[in-house]
Amino acid sequence: MLGSDRLDVNSAVRKALGAKKVSFAPMDIAVELTGMEYGGITPIGLPDSRPLLIDSVVAAAGHLVIGSGIRGSKILTSGAAPASLPGAEVLPPAKEQDQ
């Protein structure tokens, strides 16, 4: 979702995955599973087996600035790029999910 939007992440992710409970991975596990620096984890480069939930507003965006896998740099891309990645699922706008 866009960084300017607000979302109850736990509720939205739980609903999208059909799970009773979800939680963020501990830092060391997140780093191990993604091969990226904590704080710089990005959808580009995630293992294909990882689900990637994309807000439809993000998928429609012309320009996005996202993490690059390390904290010190960013990637300029379009919303279509992360939406086309393996495991990506485009969801209704976050503002609708949080109501």
PDB file of N, CA and C in Angstrom:
ATOM      1  N   MET A   1       0.834  -1.169   0.000  1.00  0.00           N
ATOM      2  CA  MET A   1       0.000   0.000   0.000  1.00  0.00           C
ATOM      3  C   MET A   1       0.882   1.235   0.000  1.00  0.00           C
ATOM      4  N   LEU A   2       0.304   2.357  -0.333  1.00  0.00           N
ATOM      5  CA  LEU A   2       1.063   3.601  -0.344  1.00  0.00           C
ATOM      6  C   LEU A   2       1.446   3.978   1.075  1.00  0.00           C
ATOM      7  N   GLY A   3       2.617   4.563   1.216  1.00  0.00           N
ATOM      8  CA  GLY A   3       3.104   4.961   2.529  1.00  0.00           C
ATOM      9  C   GLY A   3       2.249   6.027   3.180  1.00  0.00           C
ATOM     10  N   SER A   4       1.469   6.749   2.407  1.00  0.00           N
ATOM     11  CA  SER A   4       0.621   7.812   2.952  1.00  0.00           C
ATOM     12  C   SER A   4      -0.717   7.291   3.471  1.00  0.00           C
ATOM     13  N   ASP A   5      -1.021   6.031   3.218  1.00  0.00           N
ATOM     14  CA  ASP A   5      -2.299   5.448   3.650  1.00  0.00           C
ATOM     15  C   ASP A   5      -2.158   4.738   4.985  1.00  0.00           C
ATOM     16  N   ARG A   6      -3.274   4.603   5.661  1.00  0.00           N
ATOM     17  CA  ARG A   6      -3.333   3.912   6.950  1.00  0.00           C
ATOM     18  C   ARG A   6      -4.052   2.584   6.751  1.00  0.00           C
ATOM     19  N   LEU A   7      -3.572   1.551   7.434  1.00  0.00           N
ATOM     20  CA  LEU A   7      -4.178   0.231   7.292  1.00  0.00           C
ATOM     21  C   LEU A   7      -3.946  -0.581   8.551  1.00  0.00           C
ATOM     22  N   ASP A   8      -4.967  -1.287   8.990  1.00  0.00           N
ATOM     23  CA  ASP A   8      -4.804  -2.263  10.061  1.00  0.00           C
ATOM     24  C   ASP A   8      -4.216  -3.503   9.378  1.00  0.00           C
ATOM     25  N   VAL A   9      -2.896  -3.565   9.357  1.00  0.00           N
ATOM     26  CA  VAL A   9      -2.191  -4.601   8.606  1.00  0.00           C
ATOM     27  C   VAL A   9      -2.602  -5.996   9.050  1.00  0.00           C
ATOM     28  N   ASN A  10      -2.644  -6.230  10.356  1.00  0.00           N
ATOM     29  CA  ASN A  10      -2.976  -7.559  10.859  1.00  0.00           C
ATOM     30  C   ASN A  10      -4.337  -8.007  10.341  1.00  0.00           C
ATOM     31  N   SER A  11      -5.324  -7.131  10.429  1.00  0.00           N
ATOM     32  CA  SER A  11      -6.673  -7.480   9.990  1.00  0.00           C
ATOM     33  C   SER A  11      -6.728  -7.710   8.479  1.00  0.00           C
ATOM     34  N   ALA A  12      -6.130  -6.808   7.703  1.00  0.00           N
ATOM     35  CA  ALA A  12      -6.182  -6.915   6.248  1.00  0.00           C
ATOM     36  C   ALA A  12      -5.455  -8.155   5.743  1.00  0.00           C
ATOM     37  N   VAL A  13      -4.280  -8.434   6.279  1.00  0.00           N
ATOM     38  CA  VAL A  13      -3.509  -9.599   5.842  1.00  0.00           C
ATOM     39  C   VAL A  13      -4.206 -10.886   6.270  1.00  0.00           C
ATOM     40  N   ARG A  14      -4.698 -10.899   7.478  1.00  0.00           N
ATOM     41  CA  ARG A  14      -5.413 -12.075   7.971  1.00  0.00           C
ATOM     42  C   ARG A  14      -6.609 -12.382   7.066  1.00  0.00           C
ATOM     43  N   LYS A  15      -7.360 -11.341   6.702  1.00  0.00           N
ATOM     44  CA  LYS A  15      -8.527 -11.518   5.833  1.00  0.00           C
ATOM     45  C   LYS A  15      -8.095 -11.992   4.446  1.00  0.00           C
ATOM     46  N   ALA A  16      -7.066 -11.379   3.871  1.00  0.00           N
ATOM     47  CA  ALA A  16      -6.608 -11.737   2.522  1.00  0.00           C
ATOM     48  C   ALA A  16      -6.086 -13.164   2.451  1.00  0.00           C
ATOM     49  N   LEU A  17      -5.444 -13.625   3.525  1.00  0.00           N
ATOM     50  CA  LEU A  17      -4.885 -14.978   3.541  1.00  0.00           C
ATOM     51  C   LEU A  17      -5.853 -16.025   4.084  1.00  0.00           C
ATOM     52  N   GLY A  18      -6.996 -15.564   4.598  1.00  0.00           N
ATOM     53  CA  GLY A  18      -7.963 -16.504   5.178  1.00  0.00           C
ATOM     54  C   GLY A  18      -7.423 -17.174   6.426  1.00  0.00           C
ATOM     55  N   ALA A  19      -6.617 -16.454   7.188  1.00  0.00           N
ATOM     56  CA  ALA A  19      -5.983 -17.015   8.391  1.00  0.00           C
ATOM     57  C   ALA A  19      -6.662 -16.489   9.647  1.00  0.00           C
ATOM     58  N   LYS A  20      -6.572 -17.248  10.726  1.00  0.00           N
ATOM     59  CA  LYS A  20      -7.123 -16.811  12.003  1.00  0.00           C
ATOM     60  C   LYS A  20      -6.177 -15.850  12.708  1.00  0.00           C
ATOM     61  N   LYS A  21      -4.875 -16.029  12.497  1.00  0.00           N
ATOM     62  CA  LYS A  21      -3.883 -15.193  13.163  1.00  0.00           C
ATOM     63  C   LYS A  21      -2.660 -15.061  12.257  1.00  0.00           C
ATOM     64  N   VAL A  22      -2.108 -13.862  12.181  1.00  0.00           N
ATOM     65  CA  VAL A  22      -0.870 -13.617  11.444  1.00  0.00           C
ATOM     66  C   VAL A  22       0.036 -12.758  12.315  1.00  0.00           C
ATOM     67  N   SER A  23       1.334 -12.812  12.027  1.00  0.00           N
ATOM     68  CA  SER A  23       2.272 -11.963  12.747  1.00  0.00           C
ATOM     69  C   SER A  23       3.480 -11.698  11.862  1.00  0.00           C
ATOM     70  N   PHE A  24       4.196 -10.629  12.176  1.00  0.00           N
ATOM     71  CA  PHE A  24       5.416 -10.316  11.439  1.00  0.00           C
ATOM     72  C   PHE A  24       6.506 -11.293  11.860  1.00  0.00           C
ATOM     73  N   ALA A  25       7.358 -11.652  10.912  1.00  0.00           N
ATOM     74  CA  ALA A  25       8.484 -12.531  11.221  1.00  0.00           C
ATOM     75  C   ALA A  25       9.511 -11.770  12.059  1.00  0.00           C
ATOM     76  N   PRO A  26      10.168 -12.459  12.983  1.00  0.00           N
ATOM     77  CA  PRO A  26      11.263 -11.815  13.708  1.00  0.00           C
ATOM     78  C   PRO A  26      12.339 -11.352  12.719  1.00  0.00           C
ATOM     79  N   MET A  27      13.085 -10.322  13.095  1.00  0.00           N
ATOM     80  CA  MET A  27      14.068  -9.714  12.203  1.00  0.00           C
ATOM     81  C   MET A  27      15.026 -10.739  11.604  1.00  0.00           C
ATOM     82  N   ASP A  28      15.598 -11.610  12.409  1.00  0.00           N
ATOM     83  CA  ASP A  28      16.585 -12.556  11.884  1.00  0.00           C
ATOM     84  C   ASP A  28      15.985 -13.522  10.873  1.00  0.00           C
ATOM     85  N   ILE A  29      14.758 -13.921  11.091  1.00  0.00           N
ATOM     86  CA  ILE A  29      14.096 -14.837  10.152  1.00  0.00           C
ATOM     87  C   ILE A  29      13.741 -14.098   8.859  1.00  0.00           C
ATOM     88  N   ALA A  30      13.248 -12.859   8.974  1.00  0.00           N
ATOM     89  CA  ALA A  30      12.924 -12.072   7.779  1.00  0.00           C
ATOM     90  C   ALA A  30      14.157 -11.870   6.911  1.00  0.00           C
ATOM     91  N   VAL A  31      15.276 -11.563   7.522  1.00  0.00           N
ATOM     92  CA  VAL A  31      16.529 -11.367   6.783  1.00  0.00           C
ATOM     93  C   VAL A  31      16.964 -12.672   6.116  1.00  0.00           C
ATOM     94  N   GLU A  32      16.883 -13.765   6.846  1.00  0.00           N
ATOM     95  CA  GLU A  32      17.279 -15.074   6.295  1.00  0.00           C
ATOM     96  C   GLU A  32      16.383 -15.480   5.123  1.00  0.00           C
ATOM     97  N   LEU A  33      15.073 -15.293   5.263  1.00  0.00           N
ATOM     98  CA  LEU A  33      14.141 -15.722   4.219  1.00  0.00           C
ATOM     99  C   LEU A  33      14.201 -14.863   2.959  1.00  0.00           C
ATOM    100  N   THR A  34      14.544 -13.590   3.111  1.00  0.00           N
ATOM    101  CA  THR A  34      14.543 -12.691   1.957  1.00  0.00           C
ATOM    102  C   THR A  34      15.929 -12.432   1.385  1.00  0.00           C
ATOM    103  N   GLY A  35      16.969 -12.606   2.199  1.00  0.00           N
ATOM    104  CA  GLY A  35      18.313 -12.268   1.761  1.00  0.00           C
ATOM    105  C   GLY A  35      18.533 -10.764   1.664  1.00  0.00           C
ATOM    106  N   MET A  36      17.635  -9.998   2.294  1.00  0.00           N
ATOM    107  CA  MET A  36      17.723  -8.538   2.244  1.00  0.00           C
ATOM    108  C   MET A  36      17.976  -7.984   3.636  1.00  0.00           C
ATOM    109  N   GLU A  37      18.428  -6.742   3.659  1.00  0.00           N
ATOM    110  CA  GLU A  37      18.723  -6.054   4.909  1.00  0.00           C
ATOM    111  C   GLU A  37      17.414  -5.640   5.590  1.00  0.00           C
ATOM    112  N   TYR A  38      17.318  -5.865   6.889  1.00  0.00           N
ATOM    113  CA  TYR A  38      16.128  -5.471   7.625  1.00  0.00           C
ATOM    114  C   TYR A  38      15.940  -3.965   7.520  1.00  0.00           C
ATOM    115  N   GLY A  39      14.728  -3.539   7.209  1.00  0.00           N
ATOM    116  CA  GLY A  39      14.454  -2.129   6.991  1.00  0.00           C
ATOM    117  C   GLY A  39      14.533  -1.765   5.519  1.00  0.00           C
ATOM    118  N   GLY A  40      15.034  -2.683   4.701  1.00  0.00           N
ATOM    119  CA  GLY A  40      15.146  -2.442   3.265  1.00  0.00           C
ATOM    120  C   GLY A  40      14.478  -3.539   2.459  1.00  0.00           C
ATOM    121  N   ILE A  41      13.728  -4.413   3.119  1.00  0.00           N
ATOM    122  CA  ILE A  41      13.080  -5.534   2.426  1.00  0.00           C
ATOM    123  C   ILE A  41      12.058  -4.987   1.439  1.00  0.00           C
ATOM    124  N   THR A  42      12.114  -5.506   0.236  1.00  0.00           N
ATOM    125  CA  THR A  42      11.308  -5.005  -0.873  1.00  0.00           C
ATOM    126  C   THR A  42      10.608  -6.160  -1.584  1.00  0.00           C
ATOM    127  N   PRO A  43       9.515  -5.904  -2.300  1.00  0.00           N
ATOM    128  CA  PRO A  43       8.850  -7.000  -3.017  1.00  0.00           C
ATOM    129  C   PRO A  43       9.687  -7.567  -4.159  1.00  0.00           C
ATOM    130  N   ILE A  44      10.529  -6.734  -4.770  1.00  0.00           N
ATOM    131  CA  ILE A  44      11.355  -7.208  -5.885  1.00  0.00           C
ATOM    132  C   ILE A  44      12.494  -8.043  -5.319  1.00  0.00           C
ATOM    133  N   GLY A  45      12.563  -9.289  -5.744  1.00  0.00           N
ATOM    134  CA  GLY A  45      13.607 -10.175  -5.265  1.00  0.00           C
ATOM    135  C   GLY A  45      13.154 -11.142  -4.189  1.00  0.00           C
ATOM    136  N   LEU A  46      11.892 -11.047  -3.766  1.00  0.00           N
ATOM    137  CA  LEU A  46      11.400 -12.020  -2.797  1.00  0.00           C
ATOM    138  C   LEU A  46      11.330 -13.393  -3.443  1.00  0.00           C
ATOM    139  N   PRO A  47      11.496 -14.444  -2.658  1.00  0.00           N
ATOM    140  CA  PRO A  47      11.317 -15.792  -3.221  1.00  0.00           C
ATOM    141  C   PRO A  47       9.914 -15.927  -3.821  1.00  0.00           C
ATOM    142  N   ASP A  48       9.810 -16.623  -4.933  1.00  0.00           N
ATOM    143  CA  ASP A  48       8.524 -16.787  -5.618  1.00  0.00           C
ATOM    144  C   ASP A  48       7.452 -17.400  -4.732  1.00  0.00           C
ATOM    145  N   SER A  49       7.850 -18.156  -3.714  1.00  0.00           N
ATOM    146  CA  SER A  49       6.882 -18.834  -2.846  1.00  0.00           C
ATOM    147  C   SER A  49       6.223 -17.885  -1.852  1.00  0.00           C
ATOM    148  N   ARG A  50       6.712 -16.664  -1.723  1.00  0.00           N
ATOM    149  CA  ARG A  50       6.158 -15.706  -0.753  1.00  0.00           C
ATOM    150  C   ARG A  50       4.971 -14.983  -1.364  1.00  0.00           C
ATOM    151  N   PRO A  51       3.819 -14.975  -0.667  1.00  0.00           N
ATOM    152  CA  PRO A  51       2.691 -14.199  -1.191  1.00  0.00           C
ATOM    153  C   PRO A  51       3.014 -12.712  -1.131  1.00  0.00           C
ATOM    154  N   LEU A  52       2.530 -11.983  -2.098  1.00  0.00           N
ATOM    155  CA  LEU A  52       2.774 -10.553  -2.189  1.00  0.00           C
ATOM    156  C   LEU A  52       1.433  -9.870  -2.406  1.00  0.00           C
ATOM    157  N   LEU A  53       0.947  -9.185  -1.384  1.00  0.00           N
ATOM    158  CA  LEU A  53      -0.354  -8.530  -1.443  1.00  0.00           C
ATOM    159  C   LEU A  53      -0.155  -7.077  -1.838  1.00  0.00           C
ATOM    160  N   ILE A  54      -0.744  -6.681  -2.978  1.00  0.00           N
ATOM    161  CA  ILE A  54      -0.551  -5.353  -3.544  1.00  0.00           C
ATOM    162  C   ILE A  54      -1.874  -4.601  -3.540  1.00  0.00           C
ATOM    163  N   ASP A  55      -1.901  -3.431  -2.938  1.00  0.00           N
ATOM    164  CA  ASP A  55      -3.071  -2.559  -2.969  1.00  0.00           C
ATOM    165  C   ASP A  55      -3.301  -2.134  -4.424  1.00  0.00           C
ATOM    166  N   SER A  56      -4.551  -2.143  -4.884  1.00  0.00           N
ATOM    167  CA  SER A  56      -4.827  -1.786  -6.279  1.00  0.00           C
ATOM    168  C   SER A  56      -4.407  -0.354  -6.613  1.00  0.00           C
ATOM    169  N   VAL A  57      -4.382   0.532  -5.621  1.00  0.00           N
ATOM    170  CA  VAL A  57      -3.903   1.894  -5.848  1.00  0.00           C
ATOM    171  C   VAL A  57      -2.413   1.866  -6.195  1.00  0.00           C
ATOM    172  N   VAL A  58      -1.658   1.003  -5.527  1.00  0.00           N
ATOM    173  CA  VAL A  58      -0.229   0.849  -5.820  1.00  0.00           C
ATOM    174  C   VAL A  58      -0.045   0.256  -7.213  1.00  0.00           C
ATOM    175  N   ALA A  59      -0.821  -0.772  -7.539  1.00  0.00           N
ATOM    176  CA  ALA A  59      -0.700  -1.429  -8.844  1.00  0.00           C
ATOM    177  C   ALA A  59      -0.987  -0.457  -9.992  1.00  0.00           C
ATOM    178  N   ALA A  60      -1.827   0.541  -9.752  1.00  0.00           N
ATOM    179  CA  ALA A  60      -2.177   1.505 -10.787  1.00  0.00           C
ATOM    180  C   ALA A  60      -1.249   2.715 -10.819  1.00  0.00           C
ATOM    181  N   ALA A  61      -0.349   2.819  -9.866  1.00  0.00           N
ATOM    182  CA  ALA A  61       0.528   3.995  -9.773  1.00  0.00           C
ATOM    183  C   ALA A  61       1.496   4.068 -10.942  1.00  0.00           C
ATOM    184  N   GLY A  62       1.697   5.262 -11.440  1.00  0.00           N
ATOM    185  CA  GLY A  62       2.642   5.466 -12.535  1.00  0.00           C
ATOM    186  C   GLY A  62       4.086   5.371 -12.077  1.00  0.00           C
ATOM    187  N   HIS A  63       4.387   5.969 -10.937  1.00  0.00           N
ATOM    188  CA  HIS A  63       5.744   5.943 -10.394  1.00  0.00           C
ATOM    189  C   HIS A  63       5.700   5.577  -8.922  1.00  0.00           C
ATOM    190  N   LEU A  64       6.583   4.672  -8.521  1.00  0.00           N
ATOM    191  CA  LEU A  64       6.736   4.278  -7.125  1.00  0.00           C
ATOM    192  C   LEU A  64       8.211   4.338  -6.759  1.00  0.00           C
ATOM    193  N   VAL A  65       8.462   4.661  -5.520  1.00  0.00           N
ATOM    194  CA  VAL A  65       9.805   4.548  -4.975  1.00  0.00           C
ATOM    195  C   VAL A  65       9.717   3.485  -3.896  1.00  0.00           C
ATOM    196  N   ILE A  66      10.452   2.392  -4.085  1.00  0.00           N
ATOM    197  CA  ILE A  66      10.409   1.283  -3.127  1.00  0.00           C
ATOM    198  C   ILE A  66      11.829   0.943  -2.682  1.00  0.00           C
ATOM    199  N   GLY A  67      11.923   0.141  -1.641  1.00  0.00           N
ATOM    200  CA  GLY A  67      13.222  -0.299  -1.153  1.00  0.00           C
ATOM    201  C   GLY A  67      13.955  -1.117  -2.198  1.00  0.00           C
ATOM    202  N   SER A  68      15.265  -1.229  -2.018  1.00  0.00           N
ATOM    203  CA  SER A  68      16.088  -1.961  -2.984  1.00  0.00           C
ATOM    204  C   SER A  68      16.723  -3.209  -2.395  1.00  0.00           C
ATOM    205  N   GLY A  69      16.391  -3.512  -1.137  1.00  0.00           N
ATOM    206  CA  GLY A  69      16.996  -4.668  -0.478  1.00  0.00           C
ATOM    207  C   GLY A  69      18.053  -4.273   0.531  1.00  0.00           C
ATOM    208  N   ILE A  70      18.501  -3.018   0.443  1.00  0.00           N
ATOM    209  CA  ILE A  70      19.400  -2.463   1.456  1.00  0.00           C
ATOM    210  C   ILE A  70      18.818  -1.119   1.881  1.00  0.00           C
ATOM    211  N   ARG A  71      19.123  -0.681   3.079  1.00  0.00           N
ATOM    212  CA  ARG A  71      18.508   0.537   3.600  1.00  0.00           C
ATOM    213  C   ARG A  71      18.971   1.802   2.890  1.00  0.00           C
ATOM    214  N   GLY A  72      20.143   1.794   2.312  1.00  0.00           N
ATOM    215  CA  GLY A  72      20.727   3.007   1.760  1.00  0.00           C
ATOM    216  C   GLY A  72      20.328   3.357   0.348  1.00  0.00           C
ATOM    217  N   SER A  73      19.480   2.572  -0.303  1.00  0.00           N
ATOM    218  CA  SER A  73      19.110   2.903  -1.678  1.00  0.00           C
ATOM    219  C   SER A  73      17.657   2.545  -1.945  1.00  0.00           C
ATOM    220  N   LYS A  74      17.132   3.092  -3.007  1.00  0.00           N
ATOM    221  CA  LYS A  74      15.739   2.881  -3.409  1.00  0.00           C
ATOM    222  C   LYS A  74      15.680   2.580  -4.899  1.00  0.00           C
ATOM    223  N   ILE A  75      14.521   2.100  -5.347  1.00  0.00           N
ATOM    224  CA  ILE A  75      14.276   1.800  -6.761  1.00  0.00           C
ATOM    225  C   ILE A  75      13.093   2.639  -7.220  1.00  0.00           C
ATOM    226  N   LEU A  76      13.217   3.286  -8.377  1.00  0.00           N
ATOM    227  CA  LEU A  76      12.104   3.978  -9.009  1.00  0.00           C
ATOM    228  C   LEU A  76      11.495   3.006 -10.002  1.00  0.00           C
ATOM    229  N   THR A  77      10.204   2.727  -9.861  1.00  0.00           N
ATOM    230  CA  THR A  77       9.531   1.760 -10.721  1.00  0.00           C
ATOM    231  C   THR A  77       8.089   2.196 -10.923  1.00  0.00           C
ATOM    232  N   SER A  78       7.317   1.374 -11.560  1.00  0.00           N
ATOM    233  CA  SER A  78       5.883   1.636 -11.722  1.00  0.00           C
ATOM    234  C   SER A  78       5.113   0.627 -10.891  1.00  0.00           C
ATOM    235  N   GLY A  79       3.839   0.907 -10.655  1.00  0.00           N
ATOM    236  CA  GLY A  79       3.005  -0.023  -9.905  1.00  0.00           C
ATOM    237  C   GLY A  79       2.825  -1.353 -10.606  1.00  0.00           C
ATOM    238  N   ALA A  80       2.934  -1.339 -11.918  1.00  0.00           N
ATOM    239  CA  ALA A  80       2.774  -2.583 -12.676  1.00  0.00           C
ATOM    240  C   ALA A  80       3.875  -3.589 -12.372  1.00  0.00           C
ATOM    241  N   ALA A  81       5.071  -3.112 -12.028  1.00  0.00           N
ATOM    242  CA  ALA A  81       6.198  -4.021 -11.790  1.00  0.00           C
ATOM    243  C   ALA A  81       5.948  -4.946 -10.598  1.00  0.00           C
ATOM    244  N   PRO A  82       5.686  -4.445  -9.384  1.00  0.00           N
ATOM    245  CA  PRO A  82       5.434  -5.370  -8.286  1.00  0.00           C
ATOM    246  C   PRO A  82       4.149  -6.180  -8.476  1.00  0.00           C
ATOM    247  N   ALA A  83       3.151  -5.596  -9.142  1.00  0.00           N
ATOM    248  CA  ALA A  83       1.892  -6.318  -9.366  1.00  0.00           C
ATOM    249  C   ALA A  83       2.065  -7.506 -10.298  1.00  0.00           C
ATOM    250  N   SER A  84       3.138  -7.510 -11.103  1.00  0.00           N
ATOM    251  CA  SER A  84       3.363  -8.608 -12.050  1.00  0.00           C
ATOM    252  C   SER A  84       4.310  -9.677 -11.511  1.00  0.00           C
ATOM    253  N   LEU A  85       4.811  -9.502 -10.292  1.00  0.00           N
ATOM    254  CA  LEU A  85       5.748 -10.468  -9.723  1.00  0.00           C
ATOM    255  C   LEU A  85       5.055 -11.781  -9.376  1.00  0.00           C
ATOM    256  N   PRO A  86       5.804 -12.902  -9.362  1.00  0.00           N
ATOM    257  CA  PRO A  86       5.225 -14.180  -8.948  1.00  0.00           C
ATOM    258  C   PRO A  86       4.662 -14.060  -7.532  1.00  0.00           C
ATOM    259  N   GLY A  87       3.499 -14.622  -7.317  1.00  0.00           N
ATOM    260  CA  GLY A  87       2.874 -14.601  -6.000  1.00  0.00           C
ATOM    261  C   GLY A  87       2.118 -13.326  -5.697  1.00  0.00           C
ATOM    262  N   ALA A  88       2.103 -12.354  -6.626  1.00  0.00           N
ATOM    263  CA  ALA A  88       1.415 -11.086  -6.385  1.00  0.00           C
ATOM    264  C   ALA A  88      -0.093 -11.252  -6.530  1.00  0.00           C
ATOM    265  N   GLU A  89      -0.807 -10.634  -5.623  1.00  0.00           N
ATOM    266  CA  GLU A  89      -2.268 -10.591  -5.667  1.00  0.00           C
ATOM    267  C   GLU A  89      -2.680  -9.145  -5.430  1.00  0.00           C
ATOM    268  N   VAL A  90      -3.406  -8.578  -6.379  1.00  0.00           N
ATOM    269  CA  VAL A  90      -3.857  -7.193  -6.254  1.00  0.00           C
ATOM    270  C   VAL A  90      -5.176  -7.192  -5.492  1.00  0.00           C
ATOM    271  N   LEU A  91      -5.208  -6.405  -4.402  1.00  0.00           N
ATOM    272  CA  LEU A  91      -6.361  -6.334  -3.513  1.00  0.00           C
ATOM    273  C   LEU A  91      -7.089  -5.002  -3.675  1.00  0.00           C
ATOM    274  N   PRO A  92      -8.351  -4.926  -3.217  1.00  0.00           N
ATOM    275  CA  PRO A  92      -9.062  -3.641  -3.233  1.00  0.00           C
ATOM    276  C   PRO A  92      -8.270  -2.596  -2.462  1.00  0.00           C
ATOM    277  N   PRO A  93      -8.531  -1.328  -2.733  1.00  0.00           N
ATOM    278  CA  PRO A  93      -7.788  -0.262  -2.047  1.00  0.00           C
ATOM    279  C   PRO A  93      -7.796  -0.426  -0.530  1.00  0.00           C
ATOM    280  N   ALA A  94      -6.662  -0.145   0.096  1.00  0.00           N
ATOM    281  CA  ALA A  94      -6.510  -0.289   1.553  1.00  0.00           C
ATOM    282  C   ALA A  94      -7.555   0.511   2.301  1.00  0.00           C
ATOM    283  N   LYS A  95      -7.915   1.666   1.802  1.00  0.00           N
ATOM    284  CA  LYS A  95      -8.903   2.500   2.492  1.00  0.00           C
ATOM    285  C   LYS A  95     -10.243   1.782   2.609  1.00  0.00           C
ATOM    286  N   GLU A  96     -10.583   0.951   1.616  1.00  0.00           N
ATOM    287  CA  GLU A  96     -11.830   0.178   1.665  1.00  0.00           C
ATOM    288  C   GLU A  96     -11.688  -1.012   2.614  1.00  0.00           C
ATOM    289  N   GLN A  97     -10.493  -1.602   2.696  1.00  0.00           N
ATOM    290  CA  GLN A  97     -10.288  -2.773   3.539  1.00  0.00           C
ATOM    291  C   GLN A  97     -10.361  -2.423   5.025  1.00  0.00           C
ATOM    292  N   ASP A  98      -9.981  -1.198   5.382  1.00  0.00           N
ATOM    293  CA  ASP A  98      -9.860  -0.811   6.787  1.00  0.00           C
ATOM    294  C   ASP A  98     -11.161  -0.262   7.354  1.00  0.00           C
ATOM    295  N   GLN A  99     -12.243  -0.274   6.573  1.00  0.00           N
ATOM    296  CA  GLN A  99     -13.505   0.281   7.069  1.00  0.00           C
ATOM    297  C   GLN A  99     -14.385  -0.783   7.660  1.00  0.00           C
TER     298      GLN A  99
END
